Amino acid sequence: MLIGIVSDSHDNLTNIQKAVEYFKEKGITTIIHAGDWVAPFAAIALKKGIGREGRLITVFGNNEGEHYYFREVVDKLGIEYYHEAGEVEIAGRKIAVYHGTNEVLTRALVECGKYDLVVTGHTHQAYIMPQGKTLHVNPGELAGVLTGKGTFAVVDLESMKAELVSL
C-alpha cells in the first residue's frame, strides 16, 4: 500500500493541488500531513482533493494560526487529527506522526523501536533515514518557501521503501 507524506504546506494551494494530482495518478488515497498547514482552508483543499473516501491524518505544526476553527474544520471533514503527535496503524504498520519541533522528542520516536515509520516535518529539509527497523521520513516542505522547491514523499508500506518527489 502506498501512502503520501506531506508537511509544511504553508497555505500553498498550488502545490497542494499538484500533490493531489500526483496522488490521484498513483492511486494514493491515504495522506499524512505532519503540520504547518497555517490556515484551515489548506486542509479543506487537500481533503477535497483526495475525496470523501480518502484518509487524511494530521498533527499541528508550530505555524497553525486558527486552532479553534482548524479543529472545527478537520472534525467536519472527517480528517484524523492529533494535536502535537499521534500514533496510527495503516496496513499493519505502526506509525508515529509529529511535526518535529523538538529534536530530542523526534530522536526518541525514531530510536525507541516501537514504530515502523516515523513521520516528521518542521525543518523543511527532505530526507529518508532508516534506523534499525524504523524508517524516518521528513518530506521536506510542500510549500517550497525556504528551499525554493516543493517536495513530498511516497512510502510503500509493504516494502517500507520511500521516495521523495519534487514538484
Protein backbone atom coordinates (compact mmCIF):
# COMPACT_ATOMS: atom_id res chain seq x y z
CA MET A 1 0.00 0.00 0.00
CA LEU A 2 1.31 3.42 -0.97
CA ILE A 3 0.73 6.45 1.26
CA GLY A 4 1.53 10.11 0.68
CA ILE A 5 3.51 12.13 3.22
CA VAL A 6 3.43 15.93 3.21
CA SER A 7 4.41 18.68 5.62
CA ASP A 8 4.85 22.41 5.78
CA SER A 9 2.34 23.28 3.07
CA HIS A 10 2.06 26.84 4.44
CA ASP A 11 -1.15 27.67 2.54
CA ASN A 12 0.40 26.98 -0.87
CA LEU A 13 -2.76 25.85 -2.65
CA THR A 14 -0.98 25.49 -5.98
CA ASN A 15 1.45 22.92 -4.59
CA ILE A 16 -1.28 21.19 -2.61
CA GLN A 17 -3.18 20.73 -5.89
CA LYS A 18 -0.05 19.43 -7.65
CA ALA A 19 0.47 16.87 -4.87
CA VAL A 20 -3.19 15.84 -5.05
CA GLU A 21 -2.86 15.29 -8.81
CA TYR A 22 0.21 13.11 -8.24
CA PHE A 23 -1.56 11.09 -5.52
CA LYS A 24 -4.58 10.54 -7.77
CA GLU A 25 -2.34 9.44 -10.63
CA LYS A 26 -0.64 6.87 -8.37
CA GLY A 27 -3.89 5.71 -6.71
CA ILE A 28 -2.80 7.02 -3.29
CA THR A 29 -5.80 7.65 -1.03
CA THR A 30 -4.13 7.85 2.40
CA ILE A 31 -2.17 11.00 3.20
CA ILE A 32 -0.29 12.02 6.34
CA HIS A 33 0.34 15.75 6.85
CA ALA A 34 2.97 16.50 9.52
CA GLY A 35 1.77 20.02 10.28
CA ASP A 36 2.28 23.65 9.34
CA TRP A 37 -0.83 23.96 7.24
CA VAL A 38 -1.09 27.54 8.58
CA ALA A 39 -4.80 28.13 7.82
CA PRO A 40 -7.77 25.74 7.69
CA PHE A 41 -8.51 26.39 4.01
CA ALA A 42 -5.36 24.42 3.09
CA ALA A 43 -6.73 21.36 4.92
CA ILE A 44 -10.06 21.81 3.12
CA ALA A 45 -8.26 21.83 -0.25
CA LEU A 46 -6.25 18.68 0.46
CA LYS A 47 -9.21 16.74 1.85
CA LYS A 48 -11.46 17.74 -1.04
CA GLY A 49 -8.69 16.75 -3.44
CA ILE A 50 -8.45 13.20 -2.12
CA GLY A 51 -12.21 12.87 -1.70
CA ARG A 52 -14.55 11.59 0.97
CA GLU A 53 -13.17 8.08 0.85
CA GLY A 54 -9.59 9.31 1.19
CA ARG A 55 -7.93 9.12 4.60
CA LEU A 56 -6.15 12.26 5.81
CA ILE A 57 -4.19 12.19 9.06
CA THR A 58 -2.61 15.31 10.57
CA VAL A 59 -0.95 16.96 13.53
CA PHE A 60 -0.49 20.63 14.34
CA GLY A 61 2.73 22.36 13.41
CA ASN A 62 4.19 25.44 15.04
CA ASN A 63 2.65 27.82 12.48
CA GLU A 64 -1.03 26.96 12.76
CA GLY A 65 -2.90 30.18 13.44
CA GLU A 66 -6.56 29.40 13.98
CA HIS A 67 -6.54 26.42 16.36
CA TYR A 68 -10.24 26.52 17.28
CA TYR A 69 -11.52 26.92 13.72
CA PHE A 70 -8.93 24.47 12.37
CA ARG A 71 -10.23 21.83 14.79
CA GLU A 72 -13.81 22.58 13.74
CA VAL A 73 -12.89 22.17 10.07
CA VAL A 74 -10.99 18.90 10.47
CA ASP A 75 -13.78 17.42 12.58
CA LYS A 76 -16.40 18.40 9.99
CA LEU A 77 -14.36 16.92 7.13
CA GLY A 78 -13.50 13.68 8.93
CA ILE A 79 -9.78 14.40 9.00
CA GLU A 80 -7.97 12.35 11.65
CA TYR A 81 -6.40 14.96 13.88
CA TYR A 82 -3.84 14.51 16.65
CA HIS A 83 -2.79 17.70 18.39
CA GLU A 84 1.01 17.61 18.69
CA ALA A 85 1.70 13.95 17.95
CA GLY A 86 -0.23 10.87 17.03
CA GLU A 87 0.01 7.14 16.57
CA VAL A 88 -1.82 5.38 13.77
CA GLU A 89 -1.83 1.97 12.21
CA ILE A 90 -2.06 1.62 8.46
CA ALA A 91 -1.79 -1.71 6.64
CA GLY A 92 -0.46 -3.33 9.80
CA ARG A 93 2.32 -0.75 10.23
CA LYS A 94 2.71 1.32 13.39
CA ILE A 95 3.28 4.96 12.50
CA ALA A 96 4.15 7.96 14.66
CA VAL A 97 3.36 11.44 13.35
CA TYR A 98 4.96 14.50 14.94
CA HIS A 99 5.70 17.92 13.48
CA GLY A 100 9.27 17.72 14.73
CA THR A 101 9.79 20.93 16.69
CA ASN A 102 11.80 19.19 19.40
CA GLU A 103 14.82 17.22 18.21
CA VAL A 104 15.01 15.22 21.45
CA LEU A 105 11.42 14.00 21.02
CA THR A 106 11.98 13.27 17.35
CA ARG A 107 15.05 11.20 18.13
CA ALA A 108 13.17 9.34 20.89
CA LEU A 109 10.36 8.38 18.50
CA VAL A 110 12.83 7.14 15.90
CA GLU A 111 15.12 5.28 18.31
CA CYS A 112 12.53 3.66 20.61
CA GLY A 113 11.91 0.78 18.20
CA LYS A 114 8.13 0.90 18.62
CA TYR A 115 7.33 2.30 15.17
CA ASP A 116 7.79 1.05 11.64
CA LEU A 117 7.54 4.61 10.33
CA VAL A 118 8.10 7.99 11.97
CA VAL A 119 6.84 10.99 10.01
CA THR A 120 8.10 14.48 10.88
CA GLY A 121 8.37 17.85 9.19
CA HIS A 122 9.32 21.28 10.55
CA THR A 123 12.90 21.52 9.24
CA HIS A 124 11.86 21.96 5.59
CA GLN A 125 14.71 19.53 4.76
CA ALA A 126 13.59 16.40 2.95
CA TYR A 127 15.16 13.09 3.92
CA ILE A 128 14.54 9.39 4.25
CA MET A 129 16.51 7.73 7.05
CA PRO A 130 16.30 4.07 8.03
CA GLN A 131 17.30 3.40 11.63
CA GLY A 132 17.04 -0.20 12.76
CA LYS A 133 13.50 -1.36 11.96
CA THR A 134 12.22 2.22 11.81
CA LEU A 135 12.03 4.37 8.71
CA HIS A 136 12.14 8.12 9.46
CA VAL A 137 10.65 10.28 6.71
CA ASN A 138 10.65 14.05 6.56
CA PRO A 139 9.03 15.01 3.25
CA GLY A 140 10.54 18.49 3.31
CA GLU A 141 8.31 21.42 2.52
CA LEU A 142 5.36 21.18 0.19
CA ALA A 143 5.22 24.98 0.06
CA GLY A 144 8.76 25.48 -1.25
CA VAL A 145 9.15 28.72 0.71
CA LEU A 146 12.59 28.13 2.25
CA THR A 147 14.31 25.75 -0.14
CA GLY A 148 12.73 27.03 -3.34
CA LYS A 149 11.21 23.66 -4.25
CA GLY A 150 8.11 21.87 -3.08
CA THR A 151 8.63 18.27 -2.03
CA PHE A 152 6.64 15.41 -0.57
CA ALA A 153 7.20 11.69 -0.05
CA VAL A 154 5.57 8.42 -1.01
CA VAL A 155 6.01 5.38 1.22
CA ASP A 156 5.30 1.79 0.21
CA LEU A 157 4.16 0.22 3.47
CA GLU A 158 4.64 -3.30 2.16
CA SER A 159 8.33 -2.93 1.27
CA MET A 160 8.98 0.01 3.64
CA LYS A 161 10.67 1.87 0.82
CA ALA A 162 10.18 5.59 0.40
CA GLU A 163 10.87 8.13 -2.31
CA LEU A 164 10.97 11.90 -2.34
CA VAL A 165 9.04 13.71 -5.07
CA SER A 166 9.91 17.24 -6.18
CA LEU A 167 7.32 19.49 -7.79
